[in-house]
Amino acid sequence: MQLSIDTSTRFASVAVSHGVDLVSERTWRAERHHSVELVPAIRAIMNGAGVAPSDLDALYVANGPGGFSALRVGMATAKSLAISLEVPLVAVGTLEIEMAPHLPSDLPVCAILGGGGSRLYAGWLETVKETFRVLTVEELIELTSERTLFCGEAAAAIEPSLSEALGELADVRAIEPPTRRGGTLATLGFARLQAGEFDDPDTLEPLYMRSAQYEFAHKTHLR
């Protein structure tokens, strides 16, 4: 059995899974209350599924980008559980979780999250811009030169701006949040675990992005 934890933004999600099978899932609007709401949510979902901590054989966690405090709550909880239970910990990028429901796609995919103020976190898949960046809506529009599928928590909010400026170049999946589910994280985490990819809980850190010129140092391709 596996436990998934995503506290990347004001929306949080937890899930219990068994390999490729989703056992139980809960997604809610936590706002800034992750530190008091996460552990009770985990207990409730595990009790409801009849799963004890000793039944877990892996932990999956969303590692950002996202809110500074929100991310740290989920990451700290997942790391503590992985260490205490001595089970593998698998980190999955939040933008990758946002993209997953829209794949495969014939179009380049761009997932977007609010980055505070006028800034956005953006990640592209299958374009020459296979990077994470922090930018404004205007900068995102300037970077879009081909028809692109836009998705993610911030897509609905900026859909009018994208559609007006880009016209047919913007295929915006304007889904009101929450747009991420713990079950999606579980699917991606299990695939990574099966491939032998997992993380060291002692060194794993959340992905924070602060500058408009910032690009993820390891050039992860979100594949």
C-alpha atoms as a PDB file:
ATOM      1  CA  MET A   1       0.000   0.000   0.000  1.00  0.00           C
ATOM      2  CA  GLN A   2       1.155   3.519  -0.742  1.00  0.00           C
ATOM      3  CA  LEU A   3       0.295   6.986   0.563  1.00  0.00           C
ATOM      4  CA  SER A   4       0.340  10.098  -1.640  1.00  0.00           C
ATOM      5  CA  ILE A   5       0.637  13.638  -0.259  1.00  0.00           C
ATOM      6  CA  ASP A   6       0.236  16.884  -2.216  1.00  0.00           C
ATOM      7  CA  THR A   7       0.214  20.224  -0.380  1.00  0.00           C
ATOM      8  CA  SER A   8       1.648  22.330  -3.202  1.00  0.00           C
ATOM      9  CA  THR A   9      -0.994  25.077  -3.137  1.00  0.00           C
ATOM     10  CA  ARG A  10      -4.100  26.123  -1.213  1.00  0.00           C
ATOM     11  CA  PHE A  11      -5.643  22.886  -2.459  1.00  0.00           C
ATOM     12  CA  ALA A  12      -4.338  19.710  -0.836  1.00  0.00           C
ATOM     13  CA  SER A  13      -4.879  16.060  -1.678  1.00  0.00           C
ATOM     14  CA  VAL A  14      -4.029  12.711  -0.121  1.00  0.00           C
ATOM     15  CA  ALA A  15      -4.596   9.223  -1.462  1.00  0.00           C
ATOM     16  CA  VAL A  16      -4.113   5.601  -0.536  1.00  0.00           C
ATOM     17  CA  SER A  17      -3.274   3.267  -3.391  1.00  0.00           C
ATOM     18  CA  HIS A  18      -2.264  -0.306  -4.023  1.00  0.00           C
ATOM     19  CA  GLY A  19       0.007  -0.352  -7.033  1.00  0.00           C
ATOM     20  CA  VAL A  20      -2.017   0.962  -9.977  1.00  0.00           C
ATOM     21  CA  ASP A  21      -5.282   0.762  -8.033  1.00  0.00           C
ATOM     22  CA  LEU A  22      -6.629   3.783  -6.183  1.00  0.00           C
ATOM     23  CA  VAL A  23      -8.092   2.728  -2.837  1.00  0.00           C
ATOM     24  CA  SER A  24      -9.203   6.082  -1.409  1.00  0.00           C
ATOM     25  CA  GLU A  25      -8.650   9.765  -2.032  1.00  0.00           C
ATOM     26  CA  ARG A  26      -9.462  13.131  -0.485  1.00  0.00           C
ATOM     27  CA  THR A  27      -8.938  16.590  -1.994  1.00  0.00           C
ATOM     28  CA  TRP A  28      -9.870  19.776  -0.142  1.00  0.00           C
ATOM     29  CA  ARG A  29      -9.266  23.509   0.053  1.00  0.00           C
ATOM     30  CA  ALA A  30      -6.721  23.896   2.834  1.00  0.00           C
ATOM     31  CA  GLU A  31      -5.858  27.559   2.213  1.00  0.00           C
ATOM     32  CA  ARG A  32      -3.058  28.178   4.762  1.00  0.00           C
ATOM     33  CA  HIS A  33      -4.103  25.473   7.208  1.00  0.00           C
ATOM     34  CA  HIS A  34      -2.025  22.581   5.867  1.00  0.00           C
ATOM     35  CA  SER A  35      -0.097  22.245   9.123  1.00  0.00           C
ATOM     36  CA  VAL A  36      -3.255  21.530  11.135  1.00  0.00           C
ATOM     37  CA  GLU A  37      -5.329  19.739   8.503  1.00  0.00           C
ATOM     38  CA  LEU A  38      -2.890  17.392   6.754  1.00  0.00           C
ATOM     39  CA  VAL A  39      -2.232  14.792   9.463  1.00  0.00           C
ATOM     40  CA  PRO A  40      -5.934  14.444  10.427  1.00  0.00           C
ATOM     41  CA  ALA A  41      -6.757  14.008   6.722  1.00  0.00           C
ATOM     42  CA  ILE A  42      -4.126  11.283   6.409  1.00  0.00           C
ATOM     43  CA  ARG A  43      -5.421   9.505   9.501  1.00  0.00           C
ATOM     44  CA  ALA A  44      -9.007   9.716   8.278  1.00  0.00           C
ATOM     45  CA  ILE A  45      -8.300   8.368   4.808  1.00  0.00           C
ATOM     46  CA  MET A  46      -6.105   5.546   6.101  1.00  0.00           C
ATOM     47  CA  ASN A  47      -8.598   4.569   8.807  1.00  0.00           C
ATOM     48  CA  GLY A  48     -11.396   4.643   6.278  1.00  0.00           C
ATOM     49  CA  ALA A  49      -9.428   2.342   3.988  1.00  0.00           C
ATOM     50  CA  GLY A  50      -8.463   0.045   6.849  1.00  0.00           C
ATOM     51  CA  VAL A  51      -4.776   0.762   6.298  1.00  0.00           C
ATOM     52  CA  ALA A  52      -2.265   0.998   9.134  1.00  0.00           C
ATOM     53  CA  PRO A  53       1.050   2.853   8.840  1.00  0.00           C
ATOM     54  CA  SER A  54       2.837  -0.495   8.951  1.00  0.00           C
ATOM     55  CA  ASP A  55       0.973  -1.505   5.769  1.00  0.00           C
ATOM     56  CA  LEU A  56       2.651   1.247   3.732  1.00  0.00           C
ATOM     57  CA  ASP A  57       5.534   0.227   1.488  1.00  0.00           C
ATOM     58  CA  ALA A  58       6.113   3.583  -0.259  1.00  0.00           C
ATOM     59  CA  LEU A  59       5.369   7.309   0.056  1.00  0.00           C
ATOM     60  CA  TYR A  60       4.675   9.645  -2.885  1.00  0.00           C
ATOM     61  CA  VAL A  61       4.926  13.415  -2.457  1.00  0.00           C
ATOM     62  CA  ALA A  62       4.483  16.470  -4.681  1.00  0.00           C
ATOM     63  CA  ASN A  63       7.680  18.512  -4.419  1.00  0.00           C
ATOM     64  CA  GLY A  64       6.696  21.749  -6.121  1.00  0.00           C
ATOM     65  CA  PRO A  65       6.749  24.359  -7.309  1.00  0.00           C
ATOM     66  CA  GLY A  66       4.153  25.856  -5.045  1.00  0.00           C
ATOM     67  CA  GLY A  67       3.646  27.812  -1.868  1.00  0.00           C
ATOM     68  CA  PHE A  68       6.660  27.951   0.444  1.00  0.00           C
ATOM     69  CA  SER A  69       4.923  26.987   3.694  1.00  0.00           C
ATOM     70  CA  ALA A  70       2.391  24.681   2.056  1.00  0.00           C
ATOM     71  CA  LEU A  71       5.062  22.631   0.313  1.00  0.00           C
ATOM     72  CA  ARG A  72       7.160  22.303   3.431  1.00  0.00           C
ATOM     73  CA  VAL A  73       4.279  20.815   5.414  1.00  0.00           C
ATOM     74  CA  GLY A  74       3.673  18.034   2.911  1.00  0.00           C
ATOM     75  CA  MET A  75       7.345  17.375   2.285  1.00  0.00           C
ATOM     76  CA  ALA A  76       8.215  17.252   5.982  1.00  0.00           C
ATOM     77  CA  THR A  77       5.349  14.863   6.699  1.00  0.00           C
ATOM     78  CA  ALA A  78       6.240  12.548   3.815  1.00  0.00           C
ATOM     79  CA  LYS A  79       9.935  12.546   4.705  1.00  0.00           C
ATOM     80  CA  SER A  80       9.240  11.807   8.369  1.00  0.00           C
ATOM     81  CA  LEU A  81       6.948   8.919   7.498  1.00  0.00           C
ATOM     82  CA  ALA A  82       9.401   7.469   4.978  1.00  0.00           C
ATOM     83  CA  ILE A  83      12.232   7.583   7.500  1.00  0.00           C
ATOM     84  CA  SER A  84      10.235   6.183  10.406  1.00  0.00           C
ATOM     85  CA  LEU A  85       8.654   3.406   8.321  1.00  0.00           C
ATOM     86  CA  GLU A  86      11.871   2.756   6.371  1.00  0.00           C
ATOM     87  CA  VAL A  87      10.068   2.767   3.014  1.00  0.00           C
ATOM     88  CA  PRO A  88      10.968   4.409  -0.329  1.00  0.00           C
ATOM     89  CA  LEU A  89      10.042   8.045  -0.920  1.00  0.00           C
ATOM     90  CA  VAL A  90       9.221   9.189  -4.459  1.00  0.00           C
ATOM     91  CA  ALA A  91       8.924  12.890  -5.334  1.00  0.00           C
ATOM     92  CA  VAL A  92       6.869  14.051  -8.316  1.00  0.00           C
ATOM     93  CA  GLY A  93       6.790  17.592  -9.702  1.00  0.00           C
ATOM     94  CA  THR A  94       3.572  19.507  -9.129  1.00  0.00           C
ATOM     95  CA  LEU A  95       3.469  20.720 -12.731  1.00  0.00           C
ATOM     96  CA  GLU A  96       3.855  17.133 -13.894  1.00  0.00           C
ATOM     97  CA  ILE A  97       0.802  16.207 -11.816  1.00  0.00           C
ATOM     98  CA  GLU A  98      -1.117  19.069 -13.445  1.00  0.00           C
ATOM     99  CA  MET A  99      -0.170  17.867 -16.932  1.00  0.00           C
ATOM    100  CA  ALA A 100      -0.873  14.167 -16.481  1.00  0.00           C
ATOM    101  CA  PRO A 101      -4.669  14.216 -17.002  1.00  0.00           C
ATOM    102  CA  HIS A 102      -4.158  15.938 -20.372  1.00  0.00           C
ATOM    103  CA  LEU A 103      -1.639  13.456 -21.757  1.00  0.00           C
ATOM    104  CA  PRO A 104      -1.032  12.120 -24.294  1.00  0.00           C
ATOM    105  CA  SER A 105      -1.572  15.257 -26.359  1.00  0.00           C
ATOM    106  CA  ASP A 106      -0.967  16.193 -29.976  1.00  0.00           C
ATOM    107  CA  LEU A 107      -0.157  19.715 -28.783  1.00  0.00           C
ATOM    108  CA  PRO A 108       2.660  21.056 -26.627  1.00  0.00           C
ATOM    109  CA  VAL A 109       1.411  21.187 -23.043  1.00  0.00           C
ATOM    110  CA  CYS A 110       2.000  24.047 -20.621  1.00  0.00           C
ATOM    111  CA  ALA A 111       0.933  23.685 -16.986  1.00  0.00           C
ATOM    112  CA  ILE A 112       0.548  26.863 -14.947  1.00  0.00           C
ATOM    113  CA  LEU A 113       0.213  27.618 -11.237  1.00  0.00           C
ATOM    114  CA  GLY A 114      -0.111  30.914  -9.431  1.00  0.00           C
ATOM    115  CA  GLY A 115       3.277  32.062  -8.194  1.00  0.00           C
ATOM    116  CA  GLY A 116       2.190  34.956  -5.997  1.00  0.00           C
ATOM    117  CA  GLY A 117       1.248  38.439  -7.137  1.00  0.00           C
ATOM    118  CA  SER A 118       1.330  38.678 -10.923  1.00  0.00           C
ATOM    119  CA  ARG A 119       3.739  35.760 -11.289  1.00  0.00           C
ATOM    120  CA  LEU A 120       3.058  32.284 -12.613  1.00  0.00           C
ATOM    121  CA  TYR A 121       4.925  29.004 -12.330  1.00  0.00           C
ATOM    122  CA  ALA A 122       4.997  27.405 -15.778  1.00  0.00           C
ATOM    123  CA  GLY A 123       6.312  24.146 -17.155  1.00  0.00           C
ATOM    124  CA  TRP A 124       6.326  22.980 -20.774  1.00  0.00           C
ATOM    125  CA  LEU A 125       6.296  19.480 -22.207  1.00  0.00           C
ATOM    126  CA  GLU A 126       7.452  18.475 -25.695  1.00  0.00           C
ATOM    127  CA  THR A 127       8.615  21.857 -26.884  1.00  0.00           C
ATOM    128  CA  VAL A 128      12.016  23.487 -27.150  1.00  0.00           C
ATOM    129  CA  LYS A 129      11.207  25.111 -23.809  1.00  0.00           C
ATOM    130  CA  GLU A 130      11.300  21.936 -21.700  1.00  0.00           C
ATOM    131  CA  THR A 131      11.906  23.918 -18.546  1.00  0.00           C
ATOM    132  CA  PHE A 132      10.250  25.401 -15.500  1.00  0.00           C
ATOM    133  CA  ARG A 133      10.050  29.172 -15.313  1.00  0.00           C
ATOM    134  CA  VAL A 134       8.535  31.972 -13.281  1.00  0.00           C
ATOM    135  CA  LEU A 135       6.928  34.624 -15.453  1.00  0.00           C
ATOM    136  CA  THR A 136       3.983  36.956 -15.956  1.00  0.00           C
ATOM    137  CA  VAL A 137       0.965  36.337 -18.159  1.00  0.00           C
ATOM    138  CA  GLU A 138       2.409  38.809 -20.642  1.00  0.00           C
ATOM    139  CA  GLU A 139       5.705  36.935 -20.766  1.00  0.00           C
ATOM    140  CA  LEU A 140       3.867  33.636 -21.178  1.00  0.00           C
ATOM    141  CA  ILE A 141       1.962  35.074 -24.127  1.00  0.00           C
ATOM    142  CA  GLU A 142       5.181  36.323 -25.729  1.00  0.00           C
ATOM    143  CA  LEU A 143       6.722  32.852 -25.452  1.00  0.00           C
ATOM    144  CA  THR A 144       3.785  31.125 -27.145  1.00  0.00           C
ATOM    145  CA  SER A 145       4.383  30.840 -30.885  1.00  0.00           C
ATOM    146  CA  GLU A 146       2.442  27.639 -31.628  1.00  0.00           C
ATOM    147  CA  ARG A 147      -0.899  26.191 -30.636  1.00  0.00           C
ATOM    148  CA  THR A 148      -0.511  25.064 -27.016  1.00  0.00           C
ATOM    149  CA  LEU A 149      -2.650  23.244 -24.490  1.00  0.00           C
ATOM    150  CA  PHE A 150      -2.700  25.263 -21.271  1.00  0.00           C
ATOM    151  CA  CYS A 151      -3.735  23.510 -18.061  1.00  0.00           C
ATOM    152  CA  GLY A 152      -3.255  23.705 -14.333  1.00  0.00           C
ATOM    153  CA  GLU A 153      -4.656  25.480 -11.314  1.00  0.00           C
ATOM    154  CA  ALA A 154      -4.161  28.973 -12.764  1.00  0.00           C
ATOM    155  CA  ALA A 155      -5.525  28.200 -16.244  1.00  0.00           C
ATOM    156  CA  ALA A 156      -9.128  29.168 -15.530  1.00  0.00           C
ATOM    157  CA  ALA A 157      -8.132  32.505 -14.012  1.00  0.00           C
ATOM    158  CA  ILE A 158      -5.988  33.640 -16.933  1.00  0.00           C
ATOM    159  CA  GLU A 159      -8.033  32.027 -19.730  1.00  0.00           C
ATOM    160  CA  PRO A 160      -9.560  35.368 -20.836  1.00  0.00           C
ATOM    161  CA  SER A 161      -6.116  36.941 -21.234  1.00  0.00           C
ATOM    162  CA  LEU A 162      -4.691  33.954 -23.098  1.00  0.00           C
ATOM    163  CA  SER A 163      -7.669  33.612 -25.420  1.00  0.00           C
ATOM    164  CA  GLU A 164      -7.793  37.320 -26.225  1.00  0.00           C
ATOM    165  CA  ALA A 165      -4.070  37.613 -26.946  1.00  0.00           C
ATOM    166  CA  LEU A 166      -3.409  34.238 -28.569  1.00  0.00           C
ATOM    167  CA  GLY A 167      -6.708  33.349 -30.224  1.00  0.00           C
ATOM    168  CA  GLU A 168      -6.512  29.904 -31.807  1.00  0.00           C
ATOM    169  CA  LEU A 169      -3.008  29.368 -30.448  1.00  0.00           C
ATOM    170  CA  ALA A 170      -4.496  28.895 -26.963  1.00  0.00           C
ATOM    171  CA  ASP A 171      -6.300  25.664 -26.122  1.00  0.00           C
ATOM    172  CA  VAL A 172      -7.086  26.475 -22.489  1.00  0.00           C
ATOM    173  CA  ARG A 173      -8.474  23.759 -20.246  1.00  0.00           C
ATOM    174  CA  ALA A 174     -10.208  26.202 -17.927  1.00  0.00           C
ATOM    175  CA  ILE A 175     -11.092  23.775 -15.149  1.00  0.00           C
ATOM    176  CA  GLU A 176     -11.895  25.371 -11.817  1.00  0.00           C
ATOM    177  CA  PRO A 177      -9.581  24.141  -9.052  1.00  0.00           C
ATOM    178  CA  PRO A 178      -8.815  21.792  -7.517  1.00  0.00           C
ATOM    179  CA  THR A 179      -7.112  20.523 -10.655  1.00  0.00           C
ATOM    180  CA  ARG A 180      -4.808  18.009  -8.939  1.00  0.00           C
ATOM    181  CA  ARG A 181      -5.759  14.710  -7.353  1.00  0.00           C
ATOM    182  CA  GLY A 182      -3.842  12.450  -5.050  1.00  0.00           C
ATOM    183  CA  GLY A 183      -4.737   9.571  -7.360  1.00  0.00           C
ATOM    184  CA  THR A 184      -2.813  11.202 -10.202  1.00  0.00           C
ATOM    185  CA  LEU A 185       0.220  11.585  -7.952  1.00  0.00           C
ATOM    186  CA  ALA A 186      -0.151   7.924  -6.981  1.00  0.00           C
ATOM    187  CA  THR A 187      -0.103   6.816 -10.624  1.00  0.00           C
ATOM    188  CA  LEU A 188       2.974   8.894 -11.451  1.00  0.00           C
ATOM    189  CA  GLY A 189       4.729   7.879  -8.245  1.00  0.00           C
ATOM    190  CA  PHE A 190       4.119   4.191  -8.818  1.00  0.00           C
ATOM    191  CA  ALA A 191       5.521   4.403 -12.359  1.00  0.00           C
ATOM    192  CA  ARG A 192       8.633   6.099 -11.023  1.00  0.00           C
ATOM    193  CA  LEU A 193       8.994   3.559  -8.228  1.00  0.00           C
ATOM    194  CA  GLN A 194       8.660   0.668 -10.691  1.00  0.00           C
ATOM    195  CA  ALA A 195      11.441   2.243 -12.732  1.00  0.00           C
ATOM    196  CA  GLY A 196      13.674   2.203  -9.659  1.00  0.00           C
ATOM    197  CA  GLU A 197      13.516   5.973  -9.184  1.00  0.00           C
ATOM    198  CA  PHE A 198      13.149   7.208  -5.625  1.00  0.00           C
ATOM    199  CA  ASP A 199      14.540   9.979  -3.451  1.00  0.00           C
ATOM    200  CA  ASP A 200      16.672  10.300  -0.336  1.00  0.00           C
ATOM    201  CA  PRO A 201      14.432  11.716   2.418  1.00  0.00           C
ATOM    202  CA  ASP A 202      17.477  13.193   4.147  1.00  0.00           C
ATOM    203  CA  THR A 203      18.364  15.414   1.195  1.00  0.00           C
ATOM    204  CA  LEU A 204      15.108  15.895  -0.731  1.00  0.00           C
ATOM    205  CA  GLU A 205      13.999  19.537  -0.791  1.00  0.00           C
ATOM    206  CA  PRO A 206      10.951  21.302  -2.222  1.00  0.00           C
ATOM    207  CA  LEU A 207      11.349  22.994  -5.591  1.00  0.00           C
ATOM    208  CA  TYR A 208      11.078  26.740  -5.075  1.00  0.00           C
ATOM    209  CA  MET A 209      11.218  29.127  -8.018  1.00  0.00           C
ATOM    210  CA  ARG A 210      11.699  32.824  -7.453  1.00  0.00           C
ATOM    211  CA  SER A 211      13.121  34.562 -10.510  1.00  0.00           C
ATOM    212  CA  ALA A 212      11.631  35.221 -13.954  1.00  0.00           C
ATOM    213  CA  GLN A 213      14.955  34.123 -15.402  1.00  0.00           C
ATOM    214  CA  TYR A 214      15.100  30.964 -13.284  1.00  0.00           C
ATOM    215  CA  GLU A 215      15.167  27.626 -15.047  1.00  0.00           C
ATOM    216  CA  PHE A 216      15.237  24.345 -13.200  1.00  0.00           C
ATOM    217  CA  ALA A 217      18.915  23.505 -12.880  1.00  0.00           C
ATOM    218  CA  HIS A 218      18.600  19.848 -13.737  1.00  0.00           C
ATOM    219  CA  LYS A 219      16.504  20.564 -16.862  1.00  0.00           C
ATOM    220  CA  THR A 220      13.903  17.982 -15.963  1.00  0.00           C
ATOM    221  CA  HIS A 221      11.831  17.083 -19.008  1.00  0.00           C
ATOM    222  CA  LEU A 222       8.667  16.081 -17.148  1.00  0.00           C
ATOM    223  CA  ARG A 223       8.642  12.713 -18.928  1.00  0.00           C
END
